[in-house]
Protein backbone atom coordinates (compact mmCIF):
# COMPACT_ATOMS: atom_id res chain seq x y z
CA MET A 1 191.92 88.90 109.99
CA GLY A 2 194.71 89.12 112.58
CA GLN A 3 194.52 88.43 116.27
CA LYS A 4 191.15 88.85 117.96
CA ARG A 5 190.85 91.60 120.58
CA VAL A 6 188.58 91.51 123.62
CA LEU A 7 187.73 94.24 126.13
CA ILE A 8 186.93 93.03 129.66
CA THR A 9 185.55 95.59 132.12
CA GLY A 10 185.93 94.83 135.82
CA ALA A 11 189.17 93.11 134.78
CA ALA A 12 190.81 93.51 138.20
CA GLY A 13 187.84 91.88 139.93
CA PHE A 14 187.43 88.25 140.97
CA ILE A 15 185.75 86.74 137.89
CA GLY A 16 187.05 89.45 135.52
CA SER A 17 190.70 88.60 136.28
CA HIS A 18 190.09 84.88 135.67
CA LEU A 19 188.45 85.77 132.34
CA CYS A 20 191.57 87.77 131.37
CA ASP A 21 193.67 84.65 132.06
CA ARG A 22 191.36 82.49 129.99
CA PHE A 23 191.25 84.75 126.93
CA ILE A 24 195.03 85.22 126.89
CA LYS A 25 195.36 81.42 127.08
CA GLU A 26 192.99 81.19 124.08
CA GLY A 27 195.37 83.42 122.10
CA LEU A 28 193.34 86.64 122.17
CA GLN A 29 194.62 90.13 122.84
CA VAL A 30 193.02 91.30 126.10
CA ILE A 31 192.31 94.89 127.10
CA GLY A 32 191.42 95.03 130.78
CA MET A 33 189.51 98.02 132.14
CA ASP A 34 188.80 98.82 135.80
CA ASN A 35 188.52 101.85 138.10
CA LEU A 36 189.64 99.68 141.06
CA SER A 37 186.65 100.69 143.23
CA THR A 38 186.35 97.04 144.33
CA GLY A 39 188.94 95.28 142.14
CA SER A 40 192.63 94.86 142.95
CA MET A 41 195.75 95.20 140.82
CA LYS A 42 197.08 92.11 142.65
CA ASN A 43 194.58 90.03 140.64
CA ILE A 44 196.13 91.02 137.31
CA GLU A 45 199.74 92.03 138.08
CA HIS A 46 200.96 88.68 136.69
CA LEU A 47 199.51 89.69 133.28
CA PHE A 48 201.43 92.96 132.81
CA PRO A 49 204.59 91.34 131.37
CA LYS A 50 202.50 89.60 128.68
CA LYS A 51 202.45 91.19 125.24
CA ASP A 52 198.78 90.26 124.76
CA PHE A 53 197.56 92.26 127.77
CA GLU A 54 197.02 95.96 128.25
CA PHE A 55 195.22 97.80 131.03
CA TYR A 56 193.10 100.95 131.07
CA PHE A 57 192.40 102.59 134.43
CA HIS A 58 188.94 103.96 133.67
CA ASP A 59 185.43 104.33 135.08
CA VAL A 60 182.95 102.97 132.52
CA THR A 61 180.22 105.36 133.71
CA LYS A 62 182.25 108.03 131.84
CA PHE A 63 182.57 107.92 128.03
CA VAL A 64 184.53 104.82 126.94
CA HIS A 65 186.91 104.89 123.99
CA VAL A 66 189.28 102.12 122.94
CA PRO A 67 191.31 102.62 119.74
CA GLY A 68 191.42 99.89 117.12
CA LYS A 69 189.12 96.97 116.46
CA LEU A 70 187.27 95.10 119.19
CA ASP A 71 185.83 91.67 118.44
CA CYS A 72 184.16 91.17 121.84
CA ILE A 73 183.27 93.22 124.89
CA LEU A 74 182.55 91.53 128.23
CA HIS A 75 180.98 93.87 130.79
CA PHE A 76 181.90 92.64 134.27
CA ALA A 77 182.36 96.01 136.00
CA SER A 78 180.14 96.19 139.07
CA PRO A 79 180.32 95.81 142.82
CA ALA A 80 179.01 92.29 143.45
CA SER A 81 178.85 91.77 147.19
CA PRO A 82 176.33 93.32 149.61
CA ILE A 83 179.13 94.93 151.63
CA ASP A 84 180.19 96.87 148.50
CA TYR A 85 176.90 97.80 146.90
CA LEU A 86 175.41 98.92 150.23
CA LYS A 87 178.46 101.20 150.68
CA ILE A 88 178.37 102.62 147.13
CA PRO A 89 174.71 102.25 146.07
CA ILE A 90 174.62 105.09 143.52
CA GLN A 91 177.84 103.99 141.79
CA THR A 92 176.36 100.46 141.62
CA LEU A 93 173.28 101.77 139.82
CA LYS A 94 175.42 103.95 137.54
CA VAL A 95 177.75 101.15 136.43
CA GLY A 96 174.71 98.99 135.56
CA SER A 97 172.92 101.78 133.68
CA LEU A 98 175.31 104.45 132.34
CA GLY A 99 178.23 102.00 132.16
CA THR A 100 176.23 99.45 130.18
CA HIS A 101 174.87 102.19 127.89
CA ASN A 102 178.40 103.51 127.18
CA LEU A 103 179.73 100.03 126.43
CA LEU A 104 176.76 99.13 124.21
CA GLY A 105 177.51 102.33 122.25
CA LEU A 106 181.13 101.22 121.89
CA ALA A 107 180.04 97.71 120.80
CA LYS A 108 177.71 99.23 118.19
CA GLU A 109 180.49 101.48 116.85
CA LYS A 110 183.04 98.62 116.73
CA LYS A 111 180.50 95.97 115.63
CA SER A 112 181.62 93.85 118.60
CA ARG A 113 179.92 90.88 120.18
CA PHE A 114 178.73 92.05 123.62
CA LEU A 115 178.29 89.92 126.76
CA ILE A 116 176.96 91.19 130.09
CA ALA A 117 177.45 89.67 133.52
CA SER A 118 173.97 89.49 134.95
CA THR A 119 173.23 87.64 138.17
CA SER A 120 170.96 85.18 139.95
CA GLU A 121 169.97 88.21 142.07
CA ILE A 122 167.62 89.32 139.29
CA TYR A 123 165.37 86.50 140.58
CA GLY A 124 165.26 88.20 144.02
CA ASP A 125 163.80 86.09 146.83
CA PRO A 126 162.37 83.51 144.43
CA ASN A 127 158.89 82.01 144.42
CA VAL A 128 160.07 79.43 141.86
CA HIS A 129 162.64 76.77 142.72
CA PRO A 130 165.04 75.96 141.15
CA GLN A 131 165.21 79.17 139.10
CA THR A 132 164.79 78.86 135.33
CA GLU A 133 165.63 81.63 132.87
CA GLU A 134 161.91 82.11 132.19
CA TYR A 135 161.24 83.17 135.79
CA TRP A 136 160.84 86.96 136.06
CA GLY A 137 161.84 87.23 139.69
CA ASN A 138 160.57 88.65 142.97
CA VAL A 139 162.61 91.78 143.65
CA ASN A 140 161.98 94.68 146.01
CA PRO A 141 163.07 97.69 143.89
CA ILE A 142 163.33 100.08 146.86
CA GLY A 143 164.88 97.67 149.39
CA PRO A 144 168.61 97.84 150.25
CA ARG A 145 169.47 95.13 147.68
CA GLY A 146 167.42 96.88 144.97
CA VAL A 147 170.42 98.98 143.89
CA TYR A 148 172.21 95.84 142.72
CA ASP A 149 169.23 93.74 141.63
CA GLU A 150 167.59 96.50 139.59
CA ALA A 151 170.91 97.65 138.07
CA LYS A 152 171.35 94.12 136.70
CA ARG A 153 167.73 93.89 135.53
CA PHE A 154 168.19 97.19 133.69
CA MET A 155 171.43 95.87 132.16
CA GLU A 156 169.49 92.94 130.72
CA ALA A 157 166.70 95.19 129.44
CA ILE A 158 168.97 97.70 127.65
CA THR A 159 171.17 94.92 126.24
CA MET A 160 168.13 93.17 124.81
CA ALA A 161 166.84 96.53 123.44
CA TYR A 162 170.17 97.06 121.59
CA HIS A 163 169.89 93.51 120.29
CA THR A 164 166.35 93.91 118.95
CA TYR A 165 166.51 97.58 117.85
CA HIS A 166 170.11 97.88 116.58
CA GLY A 167 170.72 94.21 115.73
CA LEU A 168 173.70 94.10 118.11
CA ASP A 169 175.17 90.63 118.71
CA THR A 170 174.57 90.19 122.47
CA ARG A 171 174.84 87.53 125.20
CA ILE A 172 173.46 87.53 128.77
CA VAL A 173 174.96 85.30 131.47
CA ARG A 174 173.17 84.97 134.81
CA ILE A 175 175.90 84.13 137.29
CA PHE A 176 175.08 82.17 140.45
CA ASN A 177 177.28 82.13 143.59
CA THR A 178 180.87 81.67 142.43
CA TYR A 179 183.97 81.14 144.55
CA GLY A 180 187.68 80.47 144.28
CA PRO A 181 191.09 82.17 144.51
CA ARG A 182 191.10 86.00 144.21
CA MET A 183 187.85 86.42 146.12
CA ARG A 184 188.22 89.06 148.81
CA LEU A 185 188.23 87.79 152.38
CA ASN A 186 186.21 90.78 153.55
CA ASP A 187 183.62 90.94 150.77
CA GLY A 188 180.77 90.07 153.12
CA ARG A 189 179.67 86.84 151.40
CA ALA A 190 179.27 83.59 153.30
CA LEU A 191 182.15 81.62 151.78
CA PRO A 192 185.10 83.99 152.35
CA ALA A 193 183.58 85.14 155.65
CA PHE A 194 183.29 81.57 156.99
CA ILE A 195 186.79 80.55 155.84
CA GLY A 196 188.32 83.75 157.25
CA GLN A 197 186.58 83.27 160.60
CA ALA A 198 187.65 79.62 160.79
CA ILE A 199 191.31 80.38 159.98
CA ARG A 200 191.37 83.20 162.56
CA GLY A 201 189.76 80.94 165.17
CA GLU A 202 186.60 83.07 165.45
CA ASP A 203 183.02 81.79 165.78
CA ILE A 204 181.23 81.30 162.46
CA THR A 205 178.49 83.91 161.93
CA VAL A 206 175.33 82.61 160.26
CA PHE A 207 172.54 85.04 159.41
CA GLY A 208 168.98 83.86 160.10
CA ASP A 209 168.52 80.25 161.22
CA GLY A 210 170.87 78.96 158.50
CA SER A 211 168.07 77.19 156.60
CA GLN A 212 168.47 79.48 153.56
CA THR A 213 170.21 77.74 150.67
CA ARG A 214 172.97 78.63 148.21
CA SER A 215 174.62 76.80 145.32
CA PHE A 216 178.36 77.38 144.93
CA CYS A 217 180.16 77.17 141.57
CA TYR A 218 183.96 77.03 141.35
CA VAL A 219 185.42 79.91 139.30
CA ASP A 220 187.07 77.70 136.61
CA ASP A 221 183.69 76.10 135.88
CA GLN A 222 182.05 79.54 135.78
CA VAL A 223 184.64 80.91 133.33
CA GLU A 224 184.22 77.85 131.07
CA GLY A 225 180.45 78.44 130.98
CA ILE A 226 180.87 82.14 130.18
CA PHE A 227 183.39 81.36 127.44
CA ARG A 228 181.07 78.78 125.84
CA LEU A 229 178.13 81.19 125.95
CA LEU A 230 180.16 83.95 124.29
CA MET A 231 181.22 81.56 121.52
CA SER A 232 177.68 80.23 121.02
CA ASP A 233 174.92 81.75 118.87
CA TYR A 234 172.43 81.94 121.75
CA THR A 235 171.18 85.45 122.59
CA MET A 236 168.73 84.83 125.45
CA PRO A 237 169.84 84.74 129.13
CA VAL A 238 171.59 81.58 130.38
CA ASN A 239 172.08 80.50 134.01
CA ILE A 240 175.66 79.47 134.80
CA GLY A 241 176.02 77.99 138.27
CA ASN A 242 176.32 74.77 140.21
CA PRO A 243 172.94 73.19 141.05
CA ASP A 244 174.41 71.38 144.10
CA GLU A 245 172.31 73.18 146.75
CA ILE A 246 173.28 73.37 150.43
CA THR A 247 171.88 75.19 153.49
CA ILE A 248 174.07 77.90 154.97
CA LYS A 249 174.15 76.02 158.30
CA GLU A 250 175.41 72.83 156.58
CA PHE A 251 177.90 74.94 154.67
CA ALA A 252 179.26 76.48 157.88
CA GLU A 253 179.66 72.93 159.29
CA GLU A 254 181.53 71.92 156.10
CA ILE A 255 183.97 74.82 156.54
CA ILE A 256 184.62 73.91 160.20
CA LYS A 257 185.34 70.33 159.11
CA LEU A 258 187.56 71.47 156.22
CA THR A 259 189.65 73.81 158.37
CA GLY A 260 189.94 71.28 161.20
CA THR A 261 188.90 73.92 163.70
CA ASN A 262 186.24 73.65 166.39
CA GLN A 263 184.41 76.97 166.27
CA LYS A 264 180.82 77.21 167.25
CA ILE A 265 178.18 78.71 164.98
CA VAL A 266 176.57 81.95 166.18
CA TYR A 267 173.32 83.23 164.68
CA LYS A 268 172.48 86.83 163.78
CA PRO A 269 169.30 88.36 162.26
CA LEU A 270 168.78 87.80 158.53
CA PRO A 271 169.41 90.95 156.42
CA THR A 272 166.43 92.55 154.61
CA ASP A 273 165.30 90.78 151.40
CA ASP A 274 167.99 88.10 151.72
CA PRO A 275 166.98 85.28 149.31
CA LYS A 276 165.78 82.13 151.14
CA GLN A 277 166.68 79.80 148.26
CA ARG A 278 169.16 79.89 145.44
CA GLN A 279 169.62 77.06 142.95
CA PRO A 280 170.11 77.36 139.20
CA ASP A 281 168.23 75.29 136.69
CA ILE A 282 171.05 74.65 134.18
CA THR A 283 169.05 72.69 131.60
CA LYS A 284 169.71 75.38 128.95
CA ALA A 285 173.48 75.52 129.63
CA LYS A 286 173.68 71.73 129.34
CA LYS A 287 171.62 71.55 126.16
CA ILE A 288 172.85 74.65 124.29
CA LEU A 289 176.44 74.95 125.53
CA GLY A 290 177.19 71.34 126.50
CA TRP A 291 178.26 72.81 129.85
CA GLU A 292 177.95 71.62 133.40
CA PRO A 293 180.19 72.11 136.44
CA LYS A 294 183.01 69.61 136.82
CA ILE A 295 184.68 70.67 140.08
CA SER A 296 183.08 69.38 143.28
CA ARG A 297 182.57 71.67 146.24
CA LYS A 298 184.98 69.53 148.28
CA GLU A 299 187.74 69.98 145.70
CA GLY A 300 187.06 73.67 145.06
CA LEU A 301 186.85 74.56 148.74
CA LYS A 302 190.22 72.94 149.42
CA ILE A 303 191.92 75.12 146.76
CA THR A 304 190.10 78.24 148.03
CA TYR A 305 190.96 77.50 151.66
CA ASN A 306 194.67 77.12 150.81
CA TYR A 307 194.55 80.43 148.91
CA PHE A 308 193.01 82.30 151.87
CA LYS A 309 195.27 80.60 154.40
CA LYS A 310 198.32 81.81 152.49
CA ILE A 311 196.98 85.38 152.50
CA ILE A 312 196.24 85.34 156.26
CA ASP A 313 199.55 83.64 157.09
CA ASN A 314 201.45 86.30 155.12
CA LYS A 315 199.83 89.19 156.98
């Protein structure tokens, strides 16, 4: 049979680059693909000397061709933070629709197993808490976040259509807030924003009154969950995230304590359609994949803080 080959789109992104590391470690040949619209070569430059890694600079919204066999395709190409998808809304919709369609066509041609990175954002501002995979969501399709939320909902719909109509072997992971090294400091999300502000000695900016909740999963746990889902026989969506829920205000206080700084918290208006609550129900992941997060927020934040501090100190 020879060595297994996997294509990872969005390979130069935060989670995509960690997946490249994981699959090389598992002994697979990895083809990374990215157009670097939000990813960075810095995330994968350590992989270039390895014989089991090759890189294609390509935009998946254009026709995708990869020579040779492909055992698996993981579609992680997409802007993922509000700061990005509000700046490039049409490209965000295109990578979720045209990009997914192109890659599903490639998977069908190569008879590859196909996994898409969906998101907790498909639940919108949820009326059900915690969110189970059976919940259909509460999304505003024409609001500013609709470009991301609906792109991901479409990704799920077309992937499931290829599964039922063409018999394609597909997997859907719904990723909840993930953090760790290789996140961008300026990506607009609470965790890097808070850490960056604390290190620079700025006040911590909280949107709304800080009562909205998030659940943060360390990237190594996230990658383990994705890997187990890909290797499983389960074809319905699975939540992968850490159910340890915290309010944004408490989280800001945690960061101040972690960094040993004494900033004050300043409050700004809540952005449109910002979810008030976010917590995964991971019953399915536990039962089907034998997966649950292992790394505590305290431990994960320490590693992430040291990573960001090094970047800021080197500037």
